Amino acid sequence: MTGTLDTAALNLLFHEARSRNGWVEETLAEKTWRDLYDLVKVCPTSLNISPARFVFVTSAAGKARLLPHILPFNQAKTQSAPCSVIIGTDMAFYEKLPELFPAKPDAKNMFTSDLPGAEVAGFRNGSMQGGYLLLAARALGLDVGPMSGFLHDGIDAEFFAGTQIKSNFIVNLGHGLDQSFPRLPRLSFEDACQVL
């Protein structure tokens, strides 16, 4: 595959994209979240382990379950967002490996024989899938508001009880309201990078 995105696409994904705190009041169709996942699921992961699990919270009943576990400074924006997606990591992701990586039938053993390593692999690859969700949402014309200000134990008990899924972070999704404050500074190439 060759080529590059044009300036308009790069602006949509990066240069003009902002994390949003205010949201247009709207209801988005379930197809929105299905289309979003169809992009996210092609994210590369080690051995195709695909450990991320997603809960799209869109209903009033879902928000009522979610909000008690959101820290106070994040509650208003989470309440008003059309969707709050909980991104979790299935710590037993390796159970799906016979389906996801059939070329290596014993791939599961690599992780069951090293559970601490499996946890690291799950968290790393699930986080990568979460990053893809941000870009995929922007590519579909949605705004994003990622956040980590919530009570992990509460979210896990409320949404992932009886599973080995652990919450990673939450992203509010929808169409954001304009924000007037400027983008915060970023590190320069010299401060953040090396070329060896």
N, C-alpha and C. Protein backbone atom coordinates (compact mmCIF):
# COMPACT_ATOMS: atom_id res chain seq x y z
N MET A 1 0.85 -1.18 0.00
CA MET A 1 0.00 0.00 0.00
C MET A 1 0.89 1.23 0.00
N THR A 2 0.60 2.16 -0.89
CA THR A 2 1.38 3.39 -0.98
C THR A 2 0.44 4.58 -0.93
N GLY A 3 1.03 5.76 -0.82
CA GLY A 3 0.23 6.97 -0.81
C GLY A 3 0.17 7.57 0.58
N THR A 4 -0.46 8.74 0.65
CA THR A 4 -0.60 9.43 1.92
C THR A 4 -1.95 10.13 1.96
N LEU A 5 -2.41 10.43 3.14
CA LEU A 5 -3.66 11.17 3.28
C LEU A 5 -3.45 12.61 2.86
N ASP A 6 -4.52 13.23 2.35
CA ASP A 6 -4.41 14.63 1.98
C ASP A 6 -4.49 15.51 3.22
N THR A 7 -4.27 16.80 3.03
CA THR A 7 -4.22 17.74 4.15
C THR A 7 -5.53 17.75 4.93
N ALA A 8 -6.65 17.67 4.23
CA ALA A 8 -7.95 17.70 4.92
C ALA A 8 -8.09 16.50 5.85
N ALA A 9 -7.67 15.34 5.41
CA ALA A 9 -7.76 14.14 6.25
C ALA A 9 -6.81 14.23 7.44
N LEU A 10 -5.60 14.72 7.21
CA LEU A 10 -4.65 14.88 8.32
C LEU A 10 -5.16 15.90 9.34
N ASN A 11 -5.80 16.95 8.85
CA ASN A 11 -6.38 17.93 9.78
C ASN A 11 -7.50 17.30 10.60
N LEU A 12 -8.33 16.49 9.95
CA LEU A 12 -9.45 15.83 10.64
C LEU A 12 -8.95 14.91 11.75
N LEU A 13 -7.90 14.16 11.45
CA LEU A 13 -7.39 13.17 12.40
C LEU A 13 -6.46 13.76 13.45
N PHE A 14 -5.69 14.79 13.07
CA PHE A 14 -4.61 15.25 13.95
C PHE A 14 -4.60 16.76 14.18
N HIS A 15 -4.28 17.53 13.15
CA HIS A 15 -3.94 18.94 13.33
C HIS A 15 -5.07 19.78 13.92
N GLU A 16 -6.30 19.54 13.48
CA GLU A 16 -7.43 20.33 13.97
C GLU A 16 -8.30 19.55 14.96
N ALA A 17 -7.98 18.31 15.19
CA ALA A 17 -8.75 17.48 16.12
C ALA A 17 -8.47 17.90 17.55
N ARG A 18 -9.49 17.88 18.38
CA ARG A 18 -9.36 18.27 19.78
C ARG A 18 -10.09 17.27 20.66
N SER A 19 -9.62 17.11 21.88
CA SER A 19 -10.38 16.36 22.88
C SER A 19 -11.53 17.26 23.33
N ARG A 20 -12.73 16.70 23.36
CA ARG A 20 -13.93 17.50 23.64
C ARG A 20 -14.44 17.26 25.05
N ASN A 21 -15.01 18.33 25.61
CA ASN A 21 -15.62 18.27 26.93
C ASN A 21 -17.10 18.60 26.90
N GLY A 22 -17.57 19.20 25.81
CA GLY A 22 -18.98 19.53 25.64
C GLY A 22 -19.53 18.86 24.41
N TRP A 23 -20.83 18.54 24.44
CA TRP A 23 -21.39 17.69 23.39
C TRP A 23 -22.72 18.21 22.88
N VAL A 24 -22.93 18.05 21.58
CA VAL A 24 -24.24 18.29 20.98
C VAL A 24 -25.20 17.26 21.54
N GLU A 25 -26.41 17.69 21.88
CA GLU A 25 -27.41 16.74 22.37
C GLU A 25 -27.99 16.01 21.17
N GLU A 26 -27.78 14.72 21.10
CA GLU A 26 -28.23 13.93 19.96
C GLU A 26 -28.23 12.46 20.33
N THR A 27 -28.94 11.68 19.55
CA THR A 27 -28.92 10.23 19.67
C THR A 27 -28.36 9.67 18.38
N LEU A 28 -27.31 8.88 18.48
CA LEU A 28 -26.68 8.30 17.31
C LEU A 28 -27.08 6.84 17.19
N ALA A 29 -27.26 6.39 15.96
CA ALA A 29 -27.75 5.03 15.71
C ALA A 29 -26.71 3.99 16.12
N GLU A 30 -27.19 2.80 16.47
CA GLU A 30 -26.28 1.71 16.82
C GLU A 30 -25.31 1.41 15.68
N LYS A 31 -25.74 1.64 14.44
CA LYS A 31 -24.86 1.42 13.30
C LYS A 31 -23.57 2.23 13.43
N THR A 32 -23.63 3.38 14.08
CA THR A 32 -22.43 4.20 14.30
C THR A 32 -21.37 3.40 15.02
N TRP A 33 -21.78 2.69 16.07
CA TRP A 33 -20.81 1.96 16.90
C TRP A 33 -20.36 0.69 16.20
N ARG A 34 -21.23 0.09 15.39
CA ARG A 34 -20.83 -1.07 14.60
C ARG A 34 -19.82 -0.68 13.53
N ASP A 35 -20.07 0.45 12.85
CA ASP A 35 -19.13 0.94 11.84
C ASP A 35 -17.79 1.28 12.49
N LEU A 36 -17.85 1.87 13.66
CA LEU A 36 -16.62 2.21 14.38
C LEU A 36 -15.83 0.95 14.72
N TYR A 37 -16.49 -0.04 15.27
CA TYR A 37 -15.77 -1.27 15.62
C TYR A 37 -15.21 -1.96 14.39
N ASP A 38 -15.90 -1.89 13.25
CA ASP A 38 -15.38 -2.52 12.03
C ASP A 38 -14.04 -1.93 11.62
N LEU A 39 -13.79 -0.66 11.97
CA LEU A 39 -12.47 -0.08 11.72
C LEU A 39 -11.47 -0.47 12.81
N VAL A 40 -11.92 -0.43 14.06
CA VAL A 40 -11.02 -0.71 15.18
C VAL A 40 -10.50 -2.14 15.14
N LYS A 41 -11.33 -3.07 14.71
CA LYS A 41 -10.95 -4.48 14.80
C LYS A 41 -9.79 -4.86 13.88
N VAL A 42 -9.45 -4.01 12.92
CA VAL A 42 -8.31 -4.32 12.05
C VAL A 42 -6.99 -3.78 12.61
N CYS A 43 -7.03 -3.21 13.79
CA CYS A 43 -5.81 -2.75 14.45
C CYS A 43 -4.84 -3.92 14.60
N PRO A 44 -3.56 -3.72 14.31
CA PRO A 44 -2.60 -4.81 14.51
C PRO A 44 -2.37 -5.06 16.00
N THR A 45 -2.35 -6.32 16.38
CA THR A 45 -2.00 -6.71 17.74
C THR A 45 -1.09 -7.93 17.67
N SER A 46 -0.30 -8.13 18.70
CA SER A 46 0.63 -9.26 18.75
C SER A 46 -0.13 -10.57 18.58
N LEU A 47 0.27 -11.37 17.62
CA LEU A 47 -0.37 -12.66 17.35
C LEU A 47 -1.88 -12.52 17.16
N ASN A 48 -2.31 -11.32 16.77
CA ASN A 48 -3.74 -11.06 16.55
C ASN A 48 -4.56 -11.31 17.82
N ILE A 49 -3.98 -11.04 19.00
CA ILE A 49 -4.66 -11.40 20.25
C ILE A 49 -5.92 -10.58 20.51
N SER A 50 -6.00 -9.37 20.00
CA SER A 50 -7.22 -8.55 20.07
C SER A 50 -7.87 -8.56 21.46
N PRO A 51 -7.17 -8.07 22.49
CA PRO A 51 -7.68 -8.21 23.85
C PRO A 51 -8.69 -7.15 24.27
N ALA A 52 -8.85 -6.08 23.51
CA ALA A 52 -9.76 -5.01 23.94
C ALA A 52 -11.21 -5.47 23.84
N ARG A 53 -12.00 -5.02 24.82
CA ARG A 53 -13.44 -5.24 24.83
C ARG A 53 -14.09 -3.88 25.05
N PHE A 54 -15.22 -3.64 24.39
CA PHE A 54 -15.83 -2.32 24.35
C PHE A 54 -17.28 -2.38 24.84
N VAL A 55 -17.63 -1.47 25.73
CA VAL A 55 -19.01 -1.31 26.16
C VAL A 55 -19.44 0.10 25.74
N PHE A 56 -20.37 0.18 24.79
CA PHE A 56 -20.87 1.46 24.31
C PHE A 56 -22.08 1.84 25.16
N VAL A 57 -21.90 2.80 26.03
CA VAL A 57 -22.96 3.23 26.95
C VAL A 57 -23.67 4.42 26.32
N THR A 58 -24.91 4.20 25.88
CA THR A 58 -25.65 5.24 25.15
C THR A 58 -27.01 5.56 25.77
N SER A 59 -27.54 4.67 26.58
CA SER A 59 -28.90 4.85 27.11
C SER A 59 -28.87 5.55 28.47
N ALA A 60 -30.02 6.08 28.85
CA ALA A 60 -30.13 6.69 30.18
C ALA A 60 -29.86 5.66 31.26
N ALA A 61 -30.35 4.45 31.06
CA ALA A 61 -30.12 3.39 32.05
C ALA A 61 -28.64 3.05 32.15
N GLY A 62 -27.96 3.00 31.02
CA GLY A 62 -26.53 2.72 31.03
C GLY A 62 -25.75 3.83 31.71
N LYS A 63 -26.11 5.09 31.42
CA LYS A 63 -25.42 6.22 32.04
C LYS A 63 -25.66 6.22 33.56
N ALA A 64 -26.85 5.81 33.98
CA ALA A 64 -27.13 5.75 35.42
C ALA A 64 -26.22 4.74 36.12
N ARG A 65 -25.87 3.68 35.43
CA ARG A 65 -24.93 2.70 35.99
C ARG A 65 -23.49 3.23 35.95
N LEU A 66 -23.19 4.00 34.94
CA LEU A 66 -21.82 4.47 34.73
C LEU A 66 -21.45 5.64 35.64
N LEU A 67 -22.31 6.63 35.75
CA LEU A 67 -21.95 7.90 36.39
C LEU A 67 -21.49 7.79 37.84
N PRO A 68 -22.03 6.88 38.66
CA PRO A 68 -21.53 6.80 40.03
C PRO A 68 -20.05 6.44 40.14
N HIS A 69 -19.48 5.91 39.07
CA HIS A 69 -18.08 5.49 39.08
C HIS A 69 -17.16 6.47 38.37
N ILE A 70 -17.74 7.59 37.89
CA ILE A 70 -16.96 8.63 37.23
C ILE A 70 -16.62 9.70 38.27
N LEU A 71 -15.38 10.15 38.31
CA LEU A 71 -14.99 11.17 39.27
C LEU A 71 -15.75 12.47 38.99
N PRO A 72 -16.01 13.25 40.03
CA PRO A 72 -16.90 14.42 39.89
C PRO A 72 -16.54 15.36 38.75
N PHE A 73 -15.26 15.62 38.52
CA PHE A 73 -14.88 16.58 37.48
C PHE A 73 -15.13 16.05 36.06
N ASN A 74 -15.44 14.77 35.92
CA ASN A 74 -15.74 14.19 34.60
C ASN A 74 -17.22 13.84 34.42
N GLN A 75 -18.04 14.06 35.44
CA GLN A 75 -19.42 13.58 35.37
C GLN A 75 -20.27 14.34 34.37
N ALA A 76 -20.19 15.67 34.35
CA ALA A 76 -21.08 16.45 33.48
C ALA A 76 -20.83 16.12 32.01
N LYS A 77 -19.57 16.06 31.62
CA LYS A 77 -19.29 15.78 30.21
C LYS A 77 -19.63 14.35 29.84
N THR A 78 -19.53 13.43 30.79
CA THR A 78 -19.90 12.05 30.52
C THR A 78 -21.42 11.91 30.42
N GLN A 79 -22.13 12.62 31.29
CA GLN A 79 -23.59 12.60 31.24
C GLN A 79 -24.11 13.13 29.90
N SER A 80 -23.50 14.19 29.39
CA SER A 80 -24.02 14.84 28.18
C SER A 80 -23.54 14.20 26.89
N ALA A 81 -22.52 13.36 26.94
CA ALA A 81 -22.01 12.74 25.71
C ALA A 81 -23.02 11.74 25.16
N PRO A 82 -23.24 11.70 23.85
CA PRO A 82 -24.14 10.70 23.28
C PRO A 82 -23.71 9.27 23.56
N CYS A 83 -22.42 9.06 23.70
CA CYS A 83 -21.89 7.72 23.98
C CYS A 83 -20.65 7.83 24.84
N SER A 84 -20.55 6.94 25.80
CA SER A 84 -19.32 6.78 26.57
C SER A 84 -18.90 5.33 26.40
N VAL A 85 -17.78 5.11 25.75
CA VAL A 85 -17.34 3.74 25.51
C VAL A 85 -16.28 3.37 26.54
N ILE A 86 -16.56 2.30 27.27
CA ILE A 86 -15.59 1.76 28.23
C ILE A 86 -14.68 0.81 27.46
N ILE A 87 -13.40 1.08 27.50
CA ILE A 87 -12.43 0.21 26.83
C ILE A 87 -11.78 -0.65 27.91
N GLY A 88 -12.03 -1.92 27.83
CA GLY A 88 -11.48 -2.87 28.78
C GLY A 88 -10.51 -3.82 28.11
N THR A 89 -9.77 -4.53 28.93
CA THR A 89 -8.85 -5.55 28.45
C THR A 89 -9.26 -6.89 29.02
N ASP A 90 -9.48 -7.85 28.14
CA ASP A 90 -9.81 -9.21 28.57
C ASP A 90 -8.50 -9.90 28.94
N MET A 91 -8.30 -10.11 30.23
CA MET A 91 -7.05 -10.71 30.69
C MET A 91 -6.97 -12.20 30.33
N ALA A 92 -8.08 -12.77 29.88
CA ALA A 92 -8.08 -14.15 29.37
C ALA A 92 -8.20 -14.15 27.85
N PHE A 93 -7.64 -13.13 27.22
CA PHE A 93 -7.71 -13.00 25.76
C PHE A 93 -7.22 -14.24 25.04
N TYR A 94 -6.30 -14.96 25.67
CA TYR A 94 -5.67 -16.12 25.02
C TYR A 94 -6.67 -17.24 24.76
N GLU A 95 -7.81 -17.23 25.42
CA GLU A 95 -8.83 -18.25 25.16
C GLU A 95 -9.38 -18.14 23.73
N LYS A 96 -9.26 -16.97 23.12
CA LYS A 96 -9.74 -16.76 21.75
C LYS A 96 -8.68 -17.05 20.69
N LEU A 97 -7.46 -17.38 21.12
CA LEU A 97 -6.39 -17.54 20.15
C LEU A 97 -6.60 -18.68 19.15
N PRO A 98 -7.21 -19.81 19.52
CA PRO A 98 -7.46 -20.83 18.49
C PRO A 98 -8.29 -20.29 17.33
N GLU A 99 -9.18 -19.36 17.62
CA GLU A 99 -10.00 -18.74 16.58
C GLU A 99 -9.23 -17.64 15.85
N LEU A 100 -8.47 -16.84 16.61
CA LEU A 100 -7.84 -15.66 16.04
C LEU A 100 -6.49 -15.92 15.39
N PHE A 101 -5.81 -16.98 15.81
CA PHE A 101 -4.50 -17.29 15.22
C PHE A 101 -4.40 -18.79 14.96
N PRO A 102 -5.23 -19.30 14.04
CA PRO A 102 -5.27 -20.75 13.81
C PRO A 102 -3.98 -21.34 13.26
N ALA A 103 -3.12 -20.49 12.70
CA ALA A 103 -1.87 -21.01 12.13
C ALA A 103 -0.93 -21.53 13.22
N LYS A 104 -1.15 -21.13 14.46
CA LYS A 104 -0.29 -21.57 15.57
C LYS A 104 -1.20 -22.13 16.67
N PRO A 105 -1.57 -23.39 16.56
CA PRO A 105 -2.54 -23.98 17.49
C PRO A 105 -2.13 -23.92 18.96
N ASP A 106 -0.84 -23.88 19.24
CA ASP A 106 -0.40 -23.85 20.63
C ASP A 106 -0.09 -22.45 21.13
N ALA A 107 -0.53 -21.42 20.41
CA ALA A 107 -0.21 -20.04 20.79
C ALA A 107 -0.71 -19.70 22.19
N LYS A 108 -1.85 -20.27 22.57
CA LYS A 108 -2.41 -20.01 23.90
C LYS A 108 -1.41 -20.34 25.00
N ASN A 109 -0.63 -21.41 24.80
CA ASN A 109 0.32 -21.86 25.83
C ASN A 109 1.39 -20.81 26.13
N MET A 110 1.71 -19.98 25.15
CA MET A 110 2.70 -18.93 25.37
C MET A 110 2.26 -18.00 26.50
N PHE A 111 0.96 -17.83 26.64
CA PHE A 111 0.43 -16.89 27.62
C PHE A 111 0.02 -17.59 28.91
N THR A 112 -0.55 -18.77 28.83
CA THR A 112 -0.97 -19.46 30.05
C THR A 112 0.23 -19.91 30.88
N SER A 113 1.39 -20.06 30.22
CA SER A 113 2.60 -20.44 30.96
C SER A 113 3.32 -19.22 31.54
N ASP A 114 2.85 -18.02 31.22
CA ASP A 114 3.46 -16.79 31.73
C ASP A 114 2.36 -15.75 31.93
N LEU A 115 1.56 -15.92 32.97
CA LEU A 115 0.41 -15.03 33.18
C LEU A 115 0.81 -13.58 33.42
N PRO A 116 1.91 -13.28 34.15
CA PRO A 116 2.32 -11.88 34.26
C PRO A 116 2.66 -11.28 32.88
N GLY A 117 3.33 -12.05 32.04
CA GLY A 117 3.62 -11.58 30.69
C GLY A 117 2.36 -11.41 29.87
N ALA A 118 1.38 -12.30 30.08
CA ALA A 118 0.11 -12.19 29.38
C ALA A 118 -0.61 -10.91 29.76
N GLU A 119 -0.54 -10.55 31.05
CA GLU A 119 -1.20 -9.31 31.50
C GLU A 119 -0.58 -8.10 30.83
N VAL A 120 0.74 -8.08 30.74
CA VAL A 120 1.43 -6.98 30.06
C VAL A 120 1.03 -6.92 28.59
N ALA A 121 1.03 -8.08 27.93
CA ALA A 121 0.67 -8.13 26.51
C ALA A 121 -0.77 -7.68 26.30
N GLY A 122 -1.66 -8.13 27.18
CA GLY A 122 -3.05 -7.74 27.06
C GLY A 122 -3.24 -6.24 27.21
N PHE A 123 -2.62 -5.67 28.23
CA PHE A 123 -2.77 -4.23 28.47
C PHE A 123 -2.17 -3.42 27.33
N ARG A 124 -0.98 -3.81 26.88
CA ARG A 124 -0.32 -3.07 25.80
C ARG A 124 -1.15 -3.10 24.52
N ASN A 125 -1.58 -4.29 24.13
CA ASN A 125 -2.30 -4.41 22.87
C ASN A 125 -3.72 -3.85 22.96
N GLY A 126 -4.36 -3.99 24.13
CA GLY A 126 -5.67 -3.38 24.30
C GLY A 126 -5.60 -1.86 24.25
N SER A 127 -4.53 -1.29 24.82
CA SER A 127 -4.33 0.17 24.76
C SER A 127 -4.14 0.62 23.31
N MET A 128 -3.41 -0.18 22.54
CA MET A 128 -3.21 0.14 21.14
C MET A 128 -4.56 0.14 20.40
N GLN A 129 -5.40 -0.84 20.69
CA GLN A 129 -6.73 -0.86 20.08
C GLN A 129 -7.55 0.36 20.50
N GLY A 130 -7.39 0.78 21.75
CA GLY A 130 -8.08 1.99 22.19
C GLY A 130 -7.62 3.22 21.44
N GLY A 131 -6.32 3.31 21.16
CA GLY A 131 -5.81 4.41 20.36
C GLY A 131 -6.39 4.40 18.96
N TYR A 132 -6.52 3.21 18.39
CA TYR A 132 -7.15 3.09 17.07
C TYR A 132 -8.59 3.57 17.13
N LEU A 133 -9.29 3.32 18.24
CA LEU A 133 -10.67 3.77 18.35
C LEU A 133 -10.75 5.29 18.24
N LEU A 134 -9.81 6.00 18.85
CA LEU A 134 -9.81 7.46 18.75
C LEU A 134 -9.69 7.91 17.30
N LEU A 135 -8.74 7.33 16.58
CA LEU A 135 -8.55 7.72 15.18
C LEU A 135 -9.72 7.29 14.31
N ALA A 136 -10.24 6.09 14.55
CA ALA A 136 -11.37 5.61 13.76
C ALA A 136 -12.59 6.49 13.98
N ALA A 137 -12.84 6.89 15.21
CA ALA A 137 -13.97 7.77 15.49
C ALA A 137 -13.82 9.09 14.75
N ARG A 138 -12.63 9.68 14.80
CA ARG A 138 -12.40 10.93 14.08
C ARG A 138 -12.56 10.73 12.58
N ALA A 139 -12.09 9.60 12.07
CA ALA A 139 -12.22 9.32 10.64
C ALA A 139 -13.69 9.24 10.22
N LEU A 140 -14.56 8.84 11.14
CA LEU A 140 -15.99 8.75 10.86
C LEU A 140 -16.73 10.06 11.16
N GLY A 141 -15.98 11.10 11.49
CA GLY A 141 -16.60 12.41 11.72
C GLY A 141 -17.06 12.64 13.14
N LEU A 142 -16.66 11.77 14.06
CA LEU A 142 -17.02 11.95 15.47
C LEU A 142 -15.90 12.68 16.20
N ASP A 143 -16.26 13.31 17.30
CA ASP A 143 -15.28 13.89 18.20
C ASP A 143 -15.07 12.93 19.36
N VAL A 144 -13.94 13.08 20.03
CA VAL A 144 -13.57 12.16 21.11
C VAL A 144 -13.19 12.94 22.35
N GLY A 145 -13.44 12.32 23.49
CA GLY A 145 -13.02 12.88 24.77
C GLY A 145 -12.51 11.77 25.66
N PRO A 146 -11.26 11.33 25.46
CA PRO A 146 -10.72 10.25 26.28
C PRO A 146 -10.47 10.71 27.71
N MET A 147 -10.63 9.79 28.66
CA MET A 147 -10.41 10.17 30.05
C MET A 147 -10.08 8.94 30.89
N SER A 148 -9.40 9.23 31.99
CA SER A 148 -9.06 8.16 32.93
C SER A 148 -9.56 8.47 34.34
N GLY A 149 -10.33 9.53 34.51
CA GLY A 149 -10.81 9.92 35.82
C GLY A 149 -12.06 9.17 36.23
N PHE A 150 -11.88 7.91 36.61
CA PHE A 150 -13.00 7.08 37.06
C PHE A 150 -12.49 6.03 38.02
N LEU A 151 -13.40 5.35 38.69
CA LEU A 151 -13.05 4.34 39.67
C LEU A 151 -13.03 2.98 38.98
N HIS A 152 -11.83 2.46 38.74
CA HIS A 152 -11.69 1.21 37.99
C HIS A 152 -12.42 0.06 38.66
N ASP A 153 -12.27 -0.08 39.95
CA ASP A 153 -12.92 -1.21 40.63
C ASP A 153 -14.43 -1.14 40.49
N GLY A 154 -14.99 0.06 40.59
CA GLY A 154 -16.42 0.23 40.45
C GLY A 154 -16.90 -0.10 39.05
N ILE A 155 -16.19 0.38 38.05
CA ILE A 155 -16.54 0.08 36.65
C ILE A 155 -16.45 -1.42 36.40
N ASP A 156 -15.39 -2.04 36.90
CA ASP A 156 -15.20 -3.48 36.67
C ASP A 156 -16.32 -4.29 37.33
N ALA A 157 -16.70 -3.90 38.53
CA ALA A 157 -17.78 -4.62 39.22
C ALA A 157 -19.12 -4.41 38.54
N GLU A 158 -19.35 -3.20 38.05
CA GLU A 158 -20.64 -2.87 37.44
C GLU A 158 -20.81 -3.45 36.05
N PHE A 159 -19.75 -3.42 35.25
CA PHE A 159 -19.87 -3.79 33.83
C PHE A 159 -19.18 -5.10 33.46
N PHE A 160 -18.23 -5.56 34.28
CA PHE A 160 -17.45 -6.74 33.89
C PHE A 160 -17.46 -7.83 34.95
N ALA A 161 -18.46 -7.81 35.82
CA ALA A 161 -18.54 -8.83 36.88
C ALA A 161 -18.61 -10.22 36.26
N GLY A 162 -17.89 -11.17 36.87
CA GLY A 162 -17.91 -12.54 36.40
C GLY A 162 -17.04 -12.80 35.19
N THR A 163 -16.25 -11.79 34.79
CA THR A 163 -15.34 -11.95 33.65
C THR A 163 -13.92 -11.64 34.12
N GLN A 164 -12.99 -11.78 33.21
CA GLN A 164 -11.61 -11.38 33.49
C GLN A 164 -11.27 -10.08 32.77
N ILE A 165 -12.28 -9.29 32.45
CA ILE A 165 -12.08 -8.01 31.77
C ILE A 165 -11.82 -6.93 32.82
N LYS A 166 -10.81 -6.12 32.57
CA LYS A 166 -10.44 -5.00 33.44
C LYS A 166 -10.50 -3.70 32.63
N SER A 167 -11.11 -2.67 33.22
CA SER A 167 -11.22 -1.40 32.52
C SER A 167 -9.85 -0.76 32.33
N ASN A 168 -9.70 -0.09 31.19
CA ASN A 168 -8.46 0.61 30.86
C ASN A 168 -8.73 2.11 30.86
N PHE A 169 -9.55 2.58 29.91
CA PHE A 169 -9.94 3.98 29.91
C PHE A 169 -11.31 4.13 29.25
N ILE A 170 -11.85 5.33 29.32
CA ILE A 170 -13.19 5.63 28.80
C ILE A 170 -13.05 6.75 27.78
N VAL A 171 -13.84 6.67 26.71
CA VAL A 171 -13.84 7.72 25.69
C VAL A 171 -15.28 8.17 25.48
N ASN A 172 -15.53 9.47 25.67
CA ASN A 172 -16.82 10.04 25.30
C ASN A 172 -16.79 10.32 23.81
N LEU A 173 -17.91 10.02 23.16
CA LEU A 173 -18.01 10.14 21.70
C LEU A 173 -19.27 10.90 21.32
N GLY A 174 -19.20 11.61 20.22
CA GLY A 174 -20.34 12.34 19.67
C GLY A 174 -19.82 13.47 18.81
N HIS A 175 -20.60 14.54 18.72
CA HIS A 175 -20.17 15.73 18.01
C HIS A 175 -19.95 16.82 19.05
N GLY A 176 -18.72 17.27 19.15
CA GLY A 176 -18.35 18.19 20.20
C GLY A 176 -18.78 19.61 19.94
N LEU A 177 -18.98 20.35 21.01
CA LEU A 177 -19.24 21.78 20.92
C LEU A 177 -17.92 22.51 20.75
N ASP A 178 -17.98 23.68 20.13
CA ASP A 178 -16.77 24.45 19.92
C ASP A 178 -16.12 24.79 21.26
N GLN A 179 -14.81 24.82 21.25
CA GLN A 179 -14.04 25.19 22.44
C GLN A 179 -13.12 26.35 22.07
N SER A 180 -13.05 27.32 22.93
CA SER A 180 -12.31 28.53 22.58
C SER A 180 -10.86 28.53 23.07
N PHE A 181 -10.53 27.64 24.01
CA PHE A 181 -9.16 27.70 24.54
C PHE A 181 -8.18 27.08 23.55
N PRO A 182 -6.95 27.60 23.52
CA PRO A 182 -5.97 27.10 22.54
C PRO A 182 -5.45 25.72 22.91
N ARG A 183 -4.90 25.06 21.91
CA ARG A 183 -4.26 23.76 22.17
C ARG A 183 -3.09 23.96 23.11
N LEU A 184 -2.95 23.04 24.05
CA LEU A 184 -1.83 23.11 24.98
C LEU A 184 -0.52 22.78 24.27
N PRO A 185 0.61 23.21 24.83
CA PRO A 185 1.91 22.93 24.18
C PRO A 185 2.17 21.44 24.06
N ARG A 186 2.97 21.09 23.10
CA ARG A 186 3.45 19.73 22.91
C ARG A 186 4.99 19.75 22.93
N LEU A 187 5.58 18.63 23.26
CA LEU A 187 7.04 18.54 23.24
C LEU A 187 7.56 18.63 21.81
N SER A 188 8.72 19.23 21.65
CA SER A 188 9.36 19.29 20.34
C SER A 188 9.94 17.92 19.98
N PHE A 189 10.26 17.75 18.72
CA PHE A 189 10.93 16.52 18.27
C PHE A 189 12.19 16.30 19.08
N GLU A 190 12.96 17.37 19.31
CA GLU A 190 14.23 17.26 20.02
C GLU A 190 14.03 16.81 21.48
N ASP A 191 12.95 17.23 22.09
CA ASP A 191 12.68 16.86 23.47
C ASP A 191 12.15 15.43 23.61
N ALA A 192 11.47 14.93 22.59
CA ALA A 192 10.78 13.65 22.71
C ALA A 192 11.38 12.50 21.92
N CYS A 193 12.28 12.82 20.98
CA CYS A 193 12.69 11.79 20.02
C CYS A 193 14.21 11.70 19.90
N GLN A 194 14.64 10.52 19.46
CA GLN A 194 16.01 10.28 19.07
C GLN A 194 16.01 9.59 17.72
N VAL A 195 17.00 9.88 16.93
CA VAL A 195 17.23 9.14 15.69
C VAL A 195 18.65 8.59 15.79
N LEU A 196 18.78 7.28 15.82
CA LEU A 196 20.10 6.66 16.00
C LEU A 196 20.58 6.01 14.73
